[in-house]
Amino acid sequence: MQRFTFYLSLIFIFTVCFGSKANSQMITGTWKGKIGRQKAEIKIIQKGDSLTGTSYYYSSAENFRRYSIKGYFDNRTNEAVWWDDQLLEEKSSRFSFSMPGKVPLLSRADFNCPGGDKMMLNGKASESKNEMSPKGEVTLDKSDNPMFTDEWDWIIENYTVGTSDPEIIDSIVGIRGKPLYVEIAAEKPAIVEPIIIKESPQNPQKSRFSLHCRQLVR
């Protein structure tokens, strides 16, 4: 019994120490800093070689735009590439003169671990639909204190103890916020055309007309 308890203690210590280290050395997490001249908070979740998550461009907690992101991670070069996919949310205060995140971006950044617990993503950003249009530098640091709360926080906090499962990640992708702007085809209005039908009168000296309508649908 004592030996069993000893082994359990070793497993616990191994999990806390090495699990924490593994968690600190992965790209999955919350990244804060700047992309171009905009403050940014990016929540990146790795699923195999692909990346998903969300991006916030903000001037304050009351003035921001939020996108879903897609991307990929190259383990050979440690390069992360992600782009803003769908606009999920935007919020502005009455005193805001401008709202960040107007243009969706594509970011390319090197994943660097210079030492200790410090991790960085450094690279370049451009317009997502025009990579030849540069939008400045990507300078992000990994953080344990996100400004914004959303559905990805639970995945990030428990990534090393089960939520890295692709099915769990896909389930979050399925239930996260829908696009803010959805193009809906407008229905064509029905056109009512009057038709005058002449009724045969019993008295040939008098004629009566009745007005009927039929509905024409294009």
C-alpha atoms as a PDB file:
ATOM      1  CA  MET A   1       0.000   0.000   0.000  1.00  0.00           C
ATOM      2  CA  GLN A   2       2.828   2.385   0.853  1.00  0.00           C
ATOM      3  CA  ARG A   3       4.592   1.525  -2.403  1.00  0.00           C
ATOM      4  CA  PHE A   4       1.359   2.211  -4.350  1.00  0.00           C
ATOM      5  CA  THR A   5       0.992   5.591  -2.612  1.00  0.00           C
ATOM      6  CA  PHE A   6       4.624   6.371  -3.449  1.00  0.00           C
ATOM      7  CA  TYR A   7       4.053   5.642  -7.132  1.00  0.00           C
ATOM      8  CA  LEU A   8       0.942   7.820  -7.147  1.00  0.00           C
ATOM      9  CA  SER A   9       2.973  10.652  -5.649  1.00  0.00           C
ATOM     10  CA  LEU A  10       5.604  10.276  -8.357  1.00  0.00           C
ATOM     11  CA  ILE A  11       2.945  10.339 -11.073  1.00  0.00           C
ATOM     12  CA  PHE A  12       1.412  13.475  -9.577  1.00  0.00           C
ATOM     13  CA  ILE A  13       4.775  15.261  -9.386  1.00  0.00           C
ATOM     14  CA  PHE A  14       5.616  14.230 -12.965  1.00  0.00           C
ATOM     15  CA  THR A  15       2.259  15.495 -14.227  1.00  0.00           C
ATOM     16  CA  VAL A  16       2.525  18.830 -12.433  1.00  0.00           C
ATOM     17  CA  CYS A  17       6.115  19.524 -13.395  1.00  0.00           C
ATOM     18  CA  PHE A  18       6.403  18.163 -16.906  1.00  0.00           C
ATOM     19  CA  GLY A  19       2.803  18.785 -17.830  1.00  0.00           C
ATOM     20  CA  SER A  20       3.186  22.410 -16.848  1.00  0.00           C
ATOM     21  CA  LYS A  21       6.389  22.652 -18.851  1.00  0.00           C
ATOM     22  CA  ALA A  22       4.743  21.080 -21.895  1.00  0.00           C
ATOM     23  CA  ASN A  23       1.842  23.469 -21.559  1.00  0.00           C
ATOM     24  CA  SER A  24       4.172  26.462 -21.440  1.00  0.00           C
ATOM     25  CA  GLN A  25       6.079  25.394 -24.568  1.00  0.00           C
ATOM     26  CA  MET A  26       3.154  24.968 -26.963  1.00  0.00           C
ATOM     27  CA  ILE A  27       1.571  27.414 -29.348  1.00  0.00           C
ATOM     28  CA  THR A  28      -1.912  26.750 -27.989  1.00  0.00           C
ATOM     29  CA  GLY A  29      -2.816  29.624 -25.692  1.00  0.00           C
ATOM     30  CA  THR A  30      -3.647  33.305 -25.454  1.00  0.00           C
ATOM     31  CA  TRP A  31      -1.321  35.759 -27.200  1.00  0.00           C
ATOM     32  CA  LYS A  32      -1.342  39.490 -26.530  1.00  0.00           C
ATOM     33  CA  GLY A  33       0.470  42.411 -28.102  1.00  0.00           C
ATOM     34  CA  LYS A  34       0.178  44.257 -31.385  1.00  0.00           C
ATOM     35  CA  ILE A  35      -0.482  43.433 -35.008  1.00  0.00           C
ATOM     36  CA  GLY A  36       0.446  46.487 -37.004  1.00  0.00           C
ATOM     37  CA  ARG A  37      -0.610  49.485 -34.937  1.00  0.00           C
ATOM     38  CA  GLN A  38      -3.559  47.684 -33.379  1.00  0.00           C
ATOM     39  CA  LYS A  39      -3.717  46.071 -29.976  1.00  0.00           C
ATOM     40  CA  ALA A  40      -4.495  42.388 -30.474  1.00  0.00           C
ATOM     41  CA  GLU A  41      -5.406  39.349 -28.434  1.00  0.00           C
ATOM     42  CA  ILE A  42      -5.263  36.054 -30.310  1.00  0.00           C
ATOM     43  CA  LYS A  43      -6.444  32.734 -28.901  1.00  0.00           C
ATOM     44  CA  ILE A  44      -4.771  29.942 -30.845  1.00  0.00           C
ATOM     45  CA  ILE A  45      -5.700  26.271 -30.559  1.00  0.00           C
ATOM     46  CA  GLN A  46      -3.632  23.653 -32.359  1.00  0.00           C
ATOM     47  CA  LYS A  47      -5.307  20.586 -33.849  1.00  0.00           C
ATOM     48  CA  GLY A  48      -2.707  18.482 -35.604  1.00  0.00           C
ATOM     49  CA  ASP A  49      -1.061  20.788 -38.131  1.00  0.00           C
ATOM     50  CA  SER A  50      -4.016  23.146 -38.280  1.00  0.00           C
ATOM     51  CA  LEU A  51      -4.863  26.138 -36.107  1.00  0.00           C
ATOM     52  CA  THR A  52      -8.210  27.527 -35.038  1.00  0.00           C
ATOM     53  CA  GLY A  53      -9.406  30.004 -32.447  1.00  0.00           C
ATOM     54  CA  THR A  54     -10.310  33.679 -32.391  1.00  0.00           C
ATOM     55  CA  SER A  55      -8.762  37.127 -32.777  1.00  0.00           C
ATOM     56  CA  TYR A  56      -9.617  40.411 -31.074  1.00  0.00           C
ATOM     57  CA  TYR A  57      -8.504  43.825 -32.303  1.00  0.00           C
ATOM     58  CA  TYR A  58      -9.262  46.439 -29.675  1.00  0.00           C
ATOM     59  CA  SER A  59      -8.616  49.817 -28.156  1.00  0.00           C
ATOM     60  CA  SER A  60     -10.454  48.840 -24.962  1.00  0.00           C
ATOM     61  CA  ALA A  61     -12.742  46.127 -23.625  1.00  0.00           C
ATOM     62  CA  GLU A  62     -15.650  48.241 -24.888  1.00  0.00           C
ATOM     63  CA  ASN A  63     -14.292  48.879 -28.369  1.00  0.00           C
ATOM     64  CA  PHE A  64     -13.261  45.858 -30.440  1.00  0.00           C
ATOM     65  CA  ARG A  65     -13.857  43.554 -33.362  1.00  0.00           C
ATOM     66  CA  ARG A  66     -13.688  39.783 -33.034  1.00  0.00           C
ATOM     67  CA  TYR A  67     -13.017  37.251 -35.817  1.00  0.00           C
ATOM     68  CA  SER A  68     -12.796  33.489 -36.015  1.00  0.00           C
ATOM     69  CA  ILE A  69      -9.393  32.395 -37.291  1.00  0.00           C
ATOM     70  CA  LYS A  70      -8.020  29.523 -39.357  1.00  0.00           C
ATOM     71  CA  GLY A  71      -4.422  28.603 -40.034  1.00  0.00           C
ATOM     72  CA  TYR A  72      -1.634  26.066 -39.752  1.00  0.00           C
ATOM     73  CA  PHE A  73       1.595  25.443 -37.874  1.00  0.00           C
ATOM     74  CA  ASP A  74       4.818  24.130 -39.433  1.00  0.00           C
ATOM     75  CA  ASN A  75       6.656  22.063 -36.798  1.00  0.00           C
ATOM     76  CA  ARG A  76       9.821  22.003 -38.909  1.00  0.00           C
ATOM     77  CA  THR A  77      10.228  25.767 -39.117  1.00  0.00           C
ATOM     78  CA  ASN A  78       8.142  26.775 -36.078  1.00  0.00           C
ATOM     79  CA  GLU A  79       6.183  29.161 -38.303  1.00  0.00           C
ATOM     80  CA  ALA A  80       2.545  29.885 -37.474  1.00  0.00           C
ATOM     81  CA  VAL A  81       0.231  31.218 -40.165  1.00  0.00           C
ATOM     82  CA  TRP A  82      -3.333  32.312 -39.442  1.00  0.00           C
ATOM     83  CA  TRP A  83      -5.948  34.567 -40.976  1.00  0.00           C
ATOM     84  CA  ASP A  84      -9.175  36.246 -39.904  1.00  0.00           C
ATOM     85  CA  ASP A  85     -11.997  34.148 -41.308  1.00  0.00           C
ATOM     86  CA  GLN A  86     -15.413  35.413 -40.178  1.00  0.00           C
ATOM     87  CA  LEU A  87     -16.446  38.502 -38.271  1.00  0.00           C
ATOM     88  CA  LEU A  88     -18.172  37.227 -35.119  1.00  0.00           C
ATOM     89  CA  GLU A  89     -18.660  40.301 -32.973  1.00  0.00           C
ATOM     90  CA  GLU A  90     -18.085  44.015 -32.849  1.00  0.00           C
ATOM     91  CA  LYS A  91     -18.623  46.484 -30.053  1.00  0.00           C
ATOM     92  CA  SER A  92     -17.997  50.197 -29.739  1.00  0.00           C
ATOM     93  CA  SER A  93     -18.587  52.777 -27.071  1.00  0.00           C
ATOM     94  CA  ARG A  94     -20.384  56.035 -27.727  1.00  0.00           C
ATOM     95  CA  PHE A  95     -17.130  57.941 -27.288  1.00  0.00           C
ATOM     96  CA  SER A  96     -15.108  55.859 -29.764  1.00  0.00           C
ATOM     97  CA  PHE A  97     -13.833  57.748 -32.808  1.00  0.00           C
ATOM     98  CA  SER A  98     -12.697  54.622 -34.647  1.00  0.00           C
ATOM     99  CA  MET A  99     -13.032  50.881 -34.313  1.00  0.00           C
ATOM    100  CA  PRO A 100     -10.012  48.593 -34.790  1.00  0.00           C
ATOM    101  CA  GLY A 101     -10.061  45.457 -36.915  1.00  0.00           C
ATOM    102  CA  LYS A 102     -11.861  46.933 -39.889  1.00  0.00           C
ATOM    103  CA  VAL A 103      -9.676  45.001 -42.350  1.00  0.00           C
ATOM    104  CA  PRO A 104      -9.295  41.199 -41.853  1.00  0.00           C
ATOM    105  CA  LEU A 105      -5.630  40.222 -41.619  1.00  0.00           C
ATOM    106  CA  LEU A 106      -3.290  37.358 -42.435  1.00  0.00           C
ATOM    107  CA  SER A 107      -0.372  36.901 -40.028  1.00  0.00           C
ATOM    108  CA  ARG A 108       2.871  34.961 -40.417  1.00  0.00           C
ATOM    109  CA  ALA A 109       4.996  34.646 -37.292  1.00  0.00           C
ATOM    110  CA  ASP A 110       7.882  32.621 -35.893  1.00  0.00           C
ATOM    111  CA  PHE A 111       7.193  30.816 -32.624  1.00  0.00           C
ATOM    112  CA  ASN A 112      10.135  31.643 -30.334  1.00  0.00           C
ATOM    113  CA  CYS A 113      10.987  30.478 -26.800  1.00  0.00           C
ATOM    114  CA  PRO A 114      14.019  32.565 -25.775  1.00  0.00           C
ATOM    115  CA  GLY A 115      14.112  31.107 -22.272  1.00  0.00           C
ATOM    116  CA  GLY A 116      12.197  30.591 -19.087  1.00  0.00           C
ATOM    117  CA  ASP A 117       8.445  30.917 -19.530  1.00  0.00           C
ATOM    118  CA  LYS A 118       8.681  33.668 -22.141  1.00  0.00           C
ATOM    119  CA  MET A 119       7.234  32.831 -25.558  1.00  0.00           C
ATOM    120  CA  MET A 120       6.798  35.114 -28.542  1.00  0.00           C
ATOM    121  CA  LEU A 121       5.244  35.239 -31.972  1.00  0.00           C
ATOM    122  CA  ASN A 122       7.147  37.654 -34.231  1.00  0.00           C
ATOM    123  CA  GLY A 123       6.472  38.250 -37.894  1.00  0.00           C
ATOM    124  CA  LYS A 124       4.519  40.204 -40.493  1.00  0.00           C
ATOM    125  CA  ALA A 125       0.858  40.869 -41.231  1.00  0.00           C
ATOM    126  CA  SER A 126      -0.958  41.700 -44.448  1.00  0.00           C
ATOM    127  CA  GLU A 127      -4.513  41.971 -45.672  1.00  0.00           C
ATOM    128  CA  SER A 128      -6.073  38.516 -45.700  1.00  0.00           C
ATOM    129  CA  LYS A 129      -7.361  38.962 -49.261  1.00  0.00           C
ATOM    130  CA  ASN A 130      -4.222  40.650 -50.559  1.00  0.00           C
ATOM    131  CA  GLU A 131      -0.943  39.402 -49.148  1.00  0.00           C
ATOM    132  CA  MET A 132       0.898  42.025 -51.198  1.00  0.00           C
ATOM    133  CA  SER A 133      -0.662  44.722 -48.988  1.00  0.00           C
ATOM    134  CA  PRO A 134       1.465  44.813 -45.782  1.00  0.00           C
ATOM    135  CA  LYS A 135      -0.123  45.852 -42.499  1.00  0.00           C
ATOM    136  CA  GLY A 136       2.881  45.962 -40.183  1.00  0.00           C
ATOM    137  CA  GLU A 137       4.656  43.795 -37.630  1.00  0.00           C
ATOM    138  CA  VAL A 138       3.294  40.942 -35.509  1.00  0.00           C
ATOM    139  CA  THR A 139       4.610  41.195 -31.942  1.00  0.00           C
ATOM    140  CA  LEU A 140       2.752  38.917 -29.540  1.00  0.00           C
ATOM    141  CA  ASP A 141       3.656  37.413 -26.160  1.00  0.00           C
ATOM    142  CA  LYS A 142       1.967  34.422 -24.571  1.00  0.00           C
ATOM    143  CA  SER A 143      -0.215  35.404 -21.618  1.00  0.00           C
ATOM    144  CA  ASP A 144      -2.171  33.699 -18.852  1.00  0.00           C
ATOM    145  CA  ASN A 145      -4.462  36.710 -18.399  1.00  0.00           C
ATOM    146  CA  PRO A 146      -6.831  37.218 -21.334  1.00  0.00           C
ATOM    147  CA  MET A 147      -8.781  40.457 -21.527  1.00  0.00           C
ATOM    148  CA  PHE A 148     -11.704  38.802 -23.315  1.00  0.00           C
ATOM    149  CA  THR A 149     -13.658  35.754 -22.173  1.00  0.00           C
ATOM    150  CA  ASP A 150     -15.075  33.308 -24.698  1.00  0.00           C
ATOM    151  CA  GLU A 151     -15.689  29.649 -25.509  1.00  0.00           C
ATOM    152  CA  TRP A 152     -11.987  28.908 -26.138  1.00  0.00           C
ATOM    153  CA  ASP A 153     -10.828  29.617 -22.570  1.00  0.00           C
ATOM    154  CA  TRP A 154     -11.905  26.190 -21.315  1.00  0.00           C
ATOM    155  CA  ILE A 155     -10.065  24.471 -24.170  1.00  0.00           C
ATOM    156  CA  ILE A 156      -6.862  26.411 -23.468  1.00  0.00           C
ATOM    157  CA  GLU A 157      -6.966  25.880 -19.698  1.00  0.00           C
ATOM    158  CA  ASN A 158      -7.462  22.104 -20.035  1.00  0.00           C
ATOM    159  CA  TYR A 159      -5.535  21.451 -23.244  1.00  0.00           C
ATOM    160  CA  THR A 160      -2.952  19.136 -21.665  1.00  0.00           C
ATOM    161  CA  VAL A 161      -5.543  17.109 -19.749  1.00  0.00           C
ATOM    162  CA  GLY A 162      -7.983  16.195 -22.498  1.00  0.00           C
ATOM    163  CA  THR A 163      -9.404  19.141 -24.438  1.00  0.00           C
ATOM    164  CA  SER A 164      -6.777  18.723 -27.166  1.00  0.00           C
ATOM    165  CA  ASP A 165      -9.027  15.952 -28.509  1.00  0.00           C
ATOM    166  CA  PRO A 166      -9.949  16.927 -32.106  1.00  0.00           C
ATOM    167  CA  GLU A 167     -13.599  16.021 -31.531  1.00  0.00           C
ATOM    168  CA  ILE A 168     -13.824  18.410 -28.570  1.00  0.00           C
ATOM    169  CA  ILE A 169     -12.170  21.196 -30.555  1.00  0.00           C
ATOM    170  CA  ASP A 170     -14.519  20.587 -33.491  1.00  0.00           C
ATOM    171  CA  SER A 171     -17.509  20.731 -31.147  1.00  0.00           C
ATOM    172  CA  ILE A 172     -16.439  24.200 -29.997  1.00  0.00           C
ATOM    173  CA  VAL A 173     -16.015  25.305 -33.600  1.00  0.00           C
ATOM    174  CA  GLY A 174     -19.588  24.147 -34.200  1.00  0.00           C
ATOM    175  CA  ILE A 175     -21.152  26.048 -31.301  1.00  0.00           C
ATOM    176  CA  ARG A 176     -19.117  29.267 -31.340  1.00  0.00           C
ATOM    177  CA  GLY A 177     -20.670  32.536 -32.436  1.00  0.00           C
ATOM    178  CA  LYS A 178     -22.131  32.688 -35.899  1.00  0.00           C
ATOM    179  CA  PRO A 179     -20.915  35.271 -38.425  1.00  0.00           C
ATOM    180  CA  LEU A 180     -22.179  38.734 -37.607  1.00  0.00           C
ATOM    181  CA  TYR A 181     -23.081  39.470 -41.181  1.00  0.00           C
ATOM    182  CA  VAL A 182     -24.882  36.769 -43.146  1.00  0.00           C
ATOM    183  CA  GLU A 183     -25.963  37.522 -46.678  1.00  0.00           C
ATOM    184  CA  ILE A 184     -29.574  36.511 -47.171  1.00  0.00           C
ATOM    185  CA  ALA A 185     -31.177  36.450 -50.591  1.00  0.00           C
ATOM    186  CA  ALA A 186     -34.140  38.800 -50.607  1.00  0.00           C
ATOM    187  CA  GLU A 187     -37.474  37.292 -51.498  1.00  0.00           C
ATOM    188  CA  LYS A 188     -39.119  38.768 -54.548  1.00  0.00           C
ATOM    189  CA  PRO A 189     -42.356  40.542 -53.674  1.00  0.00           C
ATOM    190  CA  ALA A 190     -45.613  39.273 -55.014  1.00  0.00           C
ATOM    191  CA  ILE A 191     -47.228  41.490 -57.633  1.00  0.00           C
ATOM    192  CA  VAL A 192     -50.987  41.922 -57.634  1.00  0.00           C
ATOM    193  CA  GLU A 193     -52.453  42.580 -61.049  1.00  0.00           C
ATOM    194  CA  PRO A 194     -56.080  43.632 -61.399  1.00  0.00           C
ATOM    195  CA  ILE A 195     -58.206  41.749 -63.907  1.00  0.00           C
ATOM    196  CA  ILE A 196     -61.572  43.093 -65.038  1.00  0.00           C
ATOM    197  CA  ILE A 197     -64.053  40.353 -65.822  1.00  0.00           C
ATOM    198  CA  LYS A 198     -67.228  41.243 -67.681  1.00  0.00           C
ATOM    199  CA  GLU A 199     -70.270  39.429 -66.388  1.00  0.00           C
ATOM    200  CA  SER A 200     -73.193  38.703 -68.666  1.00  0.00           C
ATOM    201  CA  PRO A 201     -76.104  40.790 -67.357  1.00  0.00           C
ATOM    202  CA  GLN A 202     -79.620  39.476 -67.166  1.00  0.00           C
ATOM    203  CA  ASN A 203     -80.812  42.819 -68.417  1.00  0.00           C
ATOM    204  CA  PRO A 204     -79.144  43.495 -71.758  1.00  0.00           C
ATOM    205  CA  GLN A 205     -79.618  47.217 -71.172  1.00  0.00           C
ATOM    206  CA  LYS A 206     -77.314  47.174 -68.167  1.00  0.00           C
ATOM    207  CA  SER A 207     -73.741  46.033 -67.864  1.00  0.00           C
ATOM    208  CA  ARG A 208     -71.979  45.156 -64.631  1.00  0.00           C
ATOM    209  CA  PHE A 209     -68.266  44.811 -64.037  1.00  0.00           C
ATOM    210  CA  SER A 210     -66.580  43.081 -61.109  1.00  0.00           C
ATOM    211  CA  LEU A 211     -62.981  43.578 -60.051  1.00  0.00           C
ATOM    212  CA  HIS A 212     -60.914  40.526 -59.167  1.00  0.00           C
ATOM    213  CA  CYS A 213     -57.269  40.096 -58.321  1.00  0.00           C
ATOM    214  CA  ARG A 214     -54.824  37.364 -58.979  1.00  0.00           C
ATOM    215  CA  GLN A 215     -51.388  37.013 -57.524  1.00  0.00           C
ATOM    216  CA  LEU A 216     -48.441  36.738 -59.828  1.00  0.00           C
ATOM    217  CA  VAL A 217     -45.211  35.365 -58.394  1.00  0.00           C
ATOM    218  CA  ARG A 218     -42.071  35.855 -60.366  1.00  0.00           C
END
